[in-house]
């Protein structure tokens, strides 16, 4: 089971990232833009589940590039990634930390960072992370 401390370790390893607290929840940002954050359910969220089961355990929100990528991520990771009506039309997914494996969490955090990082910083990071054998 992943924890918010695992998220912090992954997020803070990325350039330009800092951790803060907003509304009592941990938030990881690159520059001024949040890319992953704690996302417990509100009372309104819980009501919207109706008779459907409510995902349990810690929930992480993660930014994605756009709504097309959101659909791709949701289709690729149905056991751990999901959305709620509150996020309709918003480029972010929710992640069940108790259901996500370490590699998928790392990829989700990194992808979220790239979705929100300033262009020059993201380009520099892509160059650093390219495999020299692939070029």
C-alpha atoms as a PDB file:
ATOM      1  CA  UNK A   1       0.000   0.000   0.000  1.00  0.00           C
ATOM      2  CA  UNK A   2       1.349   3.411  -0.965  1.00  0.00           C
ATOM      3  CA  UNK A   3       1.198   6.357   1.416  1.00  0.00           C
ATOM      4  CA  UNK A   4       1.271  10.127   1.154  1.00  0.00           C
ATOM      5  CA  UNK A   5       4.891   9.915   2.326  1.00  0.00           C
ATOM      6  CA  UNK A   6       5.634   7.807  -0.771  1.00  0.00           C
ATOM      7  CA  UNK A   7       3.980  10.511  -2.871  1.00  0.00           C
ATOM      8  CA  UNK A   8       6.082  13.172  -1.125  1.00  0.00           C
ATOM      9  CA  UNK A   9       9.290  11.250  -1.823  1.00  0.00           C
ATOM     10  CA  UNK A  10       8.423  10.873  -5.514  1.00  0.00           C
ATOM     11  CA  UNK A  11       7.179  14.434  -5.966  1.00  0.00           C
ATOM     12  CA  UNK A  12      10.021  16.148  -4.135  1.00  0.00           C
ATOM     13  CA  UNK A  13      12.567  14.268  -6.263  1.00  0.00           C
ATOM     14  CA  UNK A  14      11.326  16.244  -9.282  1.00  0.00           C
ATOM     15  CA  UNK A  15      12.885  19.653  -9.991  1.00  0.00           C
ATOM     16  CA  UNK A  16      11.185  22.802  -8.800  1.00  0.00           C
ATOM     17  CA  UNK A  17       8.783  20.924  -6.537  1.00  0.00           C
ATOM     18  CA  UNK A  18       7.733  22.033  -3.084  1.00  0.00           C
ATOM     19  CA  UNK A  19       5.229  20.761  -0.535  1.00  0.00           C
ATOM     20  CA  UNK A  20       2.669  22.918   1.226  1.00  0.00           C
ATOM     21  CA  UNK A  21      -0.637  22.561   3.040  1.00  0.00           C
ATOM     22  CA  UNK A  22      -3.938  23.822   1.657  1.00  0.00           C
ATOM     23  CA  UNK A  23      -7.202  23.422   3.575  1.00  0.00           C
ATOM     24  CA  UNK A  24      -5.369  21.037   5.884  1.00  0.00           C
ATOM     25  CA  UNK A  25      -4.279  18.739   3.042  1.00  0.00           C
ATOM     26  CA  UNK A  26      -0.792  18.133   1.682  1.00  0.00           C
ATOM     27  CA  UNK A  27      -0.160  19.598  -1.769  1.00  0.00           C
ATOM     28  CA  UNK A  28       2.833  19.202  -4.082  1.00  0.00           C
ATOM     29  CA  UNK A  29       3.419  21.978  -6.591  1.00  0.00           C
ATOM     30  CA  UNK A  30       5.883  22.862  -9.309  1.00  0.00           C
ATOM     31  CA  UNK A  31       6.212  26.603  -9.330  1.00  0.00           C
ATOM     32  CA  UNK A  32       2.762  27.821  -8.315  1.00  0.00           C
ATOM     33  CA  UNK A  33       0.856  24.935  -9.923  1.00  0.00           C
ATOM     34  CA  UNK A  34      -0.379  21.948  -7.929  1.00  0.00           C
ATOM     35  CA  UNK A  35       0.279  18.655  -9.656  1.00  0.00           C
ATOM     36  CA  UNK A  36      -0.619  16.113  -6.956  1.00  0.00           C
ATOM     37  CA  UNK A  37      -2.570  16.652  -3.754  1.00  0.00           C
ATOM     38  CA  UNK A  38      -4.419  14.821  -1.005  1.00  0.00           C
ATOM     39  CA  UNK A  39      -8.087  14.564  -1.933  1.00  0.00           C
ATOM     40  CA  UNK A  40     -10.318  13.195   0.820  1.00  0.00           C
ATOM     41  CA  UNK A  41     -13.991  13.092  -0.061  1.00  0.00           C
ATOM     42  CA  UNK A  42     -16.271  15.939   0.979  1.00  0.00           C
ATOM     43  CA  UNK A  43     -19.805  15.375   2.265  1.00  0.00           C
ATOM     44  CA  UNK A  44     -21.083  16.382  -1.184  1.00  0.00           C
ATOM     45  CA  UNK A  45     -18.785  13.813  -2.818  1.00  0.00           C
ATOM     46  CA  UNK A  46     -20.081  11.106  -0.488  1.00  0.00           C
ATOM     47  CA  UNK A  47     -23.711  11.991  -1.279  1.00  0.00           C
ATOM     48  CA  UNK A  48     -22.982  11.740  -5.008  1.00  0.00           C
ATOM     49  CA  UNK A  49     -21.852   8.129  -4.595  1.00  0.00           C
ATOM     50  CA  UNK A  50     -25.431   7.284  -3.608  1.00  0.00           C
ATOM     51  CA  UNK A  51     -25.700   3.508  -3.295  1.00  0.00           C
ATOM     52  CA  UNK A  52     -22.389   2.910  -5.096  1.00  0.00           C
ATOM     53  CA  UNK A  53     -19.441   1.791  -2.968  1.00  0.00           C
ATOM     54  CA  UNK A  54     -17.165   4.617  -1.836  1.00  0.00           C
ATOM     55  CA  UNK A  55     -13.452   3.973  -2.447  1.00  0.00           C
ATOM     56  CA  UNK A  56     -11.709   3.603   0.881  1.00  0.00           C
ATOM     57  CA  UNK A  57      -8.222   4.469   2.008  1.00  0.00           C
ATOM     58  CA  UNK A  58      -6.102   7.477   1.144  1.00  0.00           C
ATOM     59  CA  UNK A  59      -6.983   9.229  -2.120  1.00  0.00           C
ATOM     60  CA  UNK A  60      -4.563  11.269  -4.221  1.00  0.00           C
ATOM     61  CA  UNK A  61      -5.545  13.701  -6.966  1.00  0.00           C
ATOM     62  CA  UNK A  62      -3.163  13.931  -9.914  1.00  0.00           C
ATOM     63  CA  UNK A  63      -3.173  16.393 -12.792  1.00  0.00           C
ATOM     64  CA  UNK A  64      -3.204  15.130 -16.380  1.00  0.00           C
ATOM     65  CA  UNK A  65      -2.504  17.027 -19.610  1.00  0.00           C
ATOM     66  CA  UNK A  66      -6.094  17.234 -20.810  1.00  0.00           C
ATOM     67  CA  UNK A  67      -9.444  15.452 -20.826  1.00  0.00           C
ATOM     68  CA  UNK A  68      -8.333  13.034 -23.552  1.00  0.00           C
ATOM     69  CA  UNK A  69      -5.395  11.906 -21.417  1.00  0.00           C
ATOM     70  CA  UNK A  70      -7.758  11.656 -18.447  1.00  0.00           C
ATOM     71  CA  UNK A  71      -9.901   9.151 -20.373  1.00  0.00           C
ATOM     72  CA  UNK A  72      -6.796   7.202 -21.440  1.00  0.00           C
ATOM     73  CA  UNK A  73      -5.486   6.995 -17.865  1.00  0.00           C
ATOM     74  CA  UNK A  74      -8.873   5.954 -16.479  1.00  0.00           C
ATOM     75  CA  UNK A  75      -9.163   3.186 -19.098  1.00  0.00           C
ATOM     76  CA  UNK A  76      -5.590   1.973 -18.537  1.00  0.00           C
ATOM     77  CA  UNK A  77      -5.699   1.866 -14.714  1.00  0.00           C
ATOM     78  CA  UNK A  78      -9.281   1.031 -13.653  1.00  0.00           C
ATOM     79  CA  UNK A  79      -8.232  -0.776 -10.462  1.00  0.00           C
ATOM     80  CA  UNK A  80      -6.475   2.241  -8.981  1.00  0.00           C
ATOM     81  CA  UNK A  81      -7.478   5.382 -10.924  1.00  0.00           C
ATOM     82  CA  UNK A  82     -10.981   6.854 -11.027  1.00  0.00           C
ATOM     83  CA  UNK A  83     -12.899  10.115 -11.108  1.00  0.00           C
ATOM     84  CA  UNK A  84     -15.910  11.681  -9.434  1.00  0.00           C
ATOM     85  CA  UNK A  85     -18.567  14.107 -10.695  1.00  0.00           C
ATOM     86  CA  UNK A  86     -16.802  17.011  -8.968  1.00  0.00           C
ATOM     87  CA  UNK A  87     -13.895  16.526 -11.418  1.00  0.00           C
ATOM     88  CA  UNK A  88     -16.045  16.385 -14.563  1.00  0.00           C
ATOM     89  CA  UNK A  89     -14.452  18.656 -17.137  1.00  0.00           C
ATOM     90  CA  UNK A  90     -11.264  19.025 -15.065  1.00  0.00           C
ATOM     91  CA  UNK A  91      -7.942  17.515 -16.155  1.00  0.00           C
ATOM     92  CA  UNK A  92      -7.217  15.386 -13.081  1.00  0.00           C
ATOM     93  CA  UNK A  93      -7.745  11.824 -11.887  1.00  0.00           C
ATOM     94  CA  UNK A  94      -8.027  10.301  -8.440  1.00  0.00           C
ATOM     95  CA  UNK A  95      -5.758   7.488  -7.282  1.00  0.00           C
ATOM     96  CA  UNK A  96      -6.502   4.907  -4.585  1.00  0.00           C
ATOM     97  CA  UNK A  97      -3.158   4.703  -2.810  1.00  0.00           C
ATOM     98  CA  UNK A  98      -4.094   1.362  -1.275  1.00  0.00           C
ATOM     99  CA  UNK A  99      -4.635  -0.114  -4.763  1.00  0.00           C
ATOM    100  CA  UNK A 100      -1.815   1.380  -6.849  1.00  0.00           C
ATOM    101  CA  UNK A 101       1.529  -0.358  -7.361  1.00  0.00           C
ATOM    102  CA  UNK A 102       4.806   1.511  -6.884  1.00  0.00           C
ATOM    103  CA  UNK A 103       5.674   1.777 -10.586  1.00  0.00           C
ATOM    104  CA  UNK A 104       2.232   3.098 -11.537  1.00  0.00           C
ATOM    105  CA  UNK A 105       2.305   5.626  -8.701  1.00  0.00           C
ATOM    106  CA  UNK A 106       5.751   6.846  -9.788  1.00  0.00           C
ATOM    107  CA  UNK A 107       4.569   7.207 -13.383  1.00  0.00           C
ATOM    108  CA  UNK A 108       1.385   9.003 -12.261  1.00  0.00           C
ATOM    109  CA  UNK A 109       3.310  11.510 -10.132  1.00  0.00           C
ATOM    110  CA  UNK A 110       5.857  12.153 -12.881  1.00  0.00           C
ATOM    111  CA  UNK A 111       3.161  12.531 -15.551  1.00  0.00           C
ATOM    112  CA  UNK A 112       1.290  14.964 -13.293  1.00  0.00           C
ATOM    113  CA  UNK A 113       4.489  16.967 -12.820  1.00  0.00           C
ATOM    114  CA  UNK A 114       4.985  17.188 -16.597  1.00  0.00           C
ATOM    115  CA  UNK A 115       1.344  18.266 -17.006  1.00  0.00           C
ATOM    116  CA  UNK A 116       1.863  21.274 -14.727  1.00  0.00           C
ATOM    117  CA  UNK A 117       5.576  22.144 -14.947  1.00  0.00           C
ATOM    118  CA  UNK A 118       6.680  25.294 -16.758  1.00  0.00           C
ATOM    119  CA  UNK A 119       7.570  24.437 -20.357  1.00  0.00           C
ATOM    120  CA  UNK A 120      11.312  25.128 -20.078  1.00  0.00           C
ATOM    121  CA  UNK A 121      11.659  23.144 -16.872  1.00  0.00           C
ATOM    122  CA  UNK A 122       9.714  20.225 -18.378  1.00  0.00           C
ATOM    123  CA  UNK A 123      11.841  20.286 -21.536  1.00  0.00           C
ATOM    124  CA  UNK A 124      15.054  20.297 -19.490  1.00  0.00           C
ATOM    125  CA  UNK A 125      13.783  17.369 -17.401  1.00  0.00           C
ATOM    126  CA  UNK A 126      12.852  15.406 -20.525  1.00  0.00           C
ATOM    127  CA  UNK A 127      16.375  15.878 -21.872  1.00  0.00           C
ATOM    128  CA  UNK A 128      17.870  14.699 -18.575  1.00  0.00           C
ATOM    129  CA  UNK A 129      15.650  11.633 -18.402  1.00  0.00           C
ATOM    130  CA  UNK A 130      16.160  10.517 -22.006  1.00  0.00           C
ATOM    131  CA  UNK A 131      17.988   7.229 -22.317  1.00  0.00           C
ATOM    132  CA  UNK A 132      21.266   7.954 -24.172  1.00  0.00           C
ATOM    133  CA  UNK A 133      20.965   4.539 -25.828  1.00  0.00           C
ATOM    134  CA  UNK A 134      17.683   5.609 -27.462  1.00  0.00           C
ATOM    135  CA  UNK A 135      19.145   8.686 -29.170  1.00  0.00           C
END
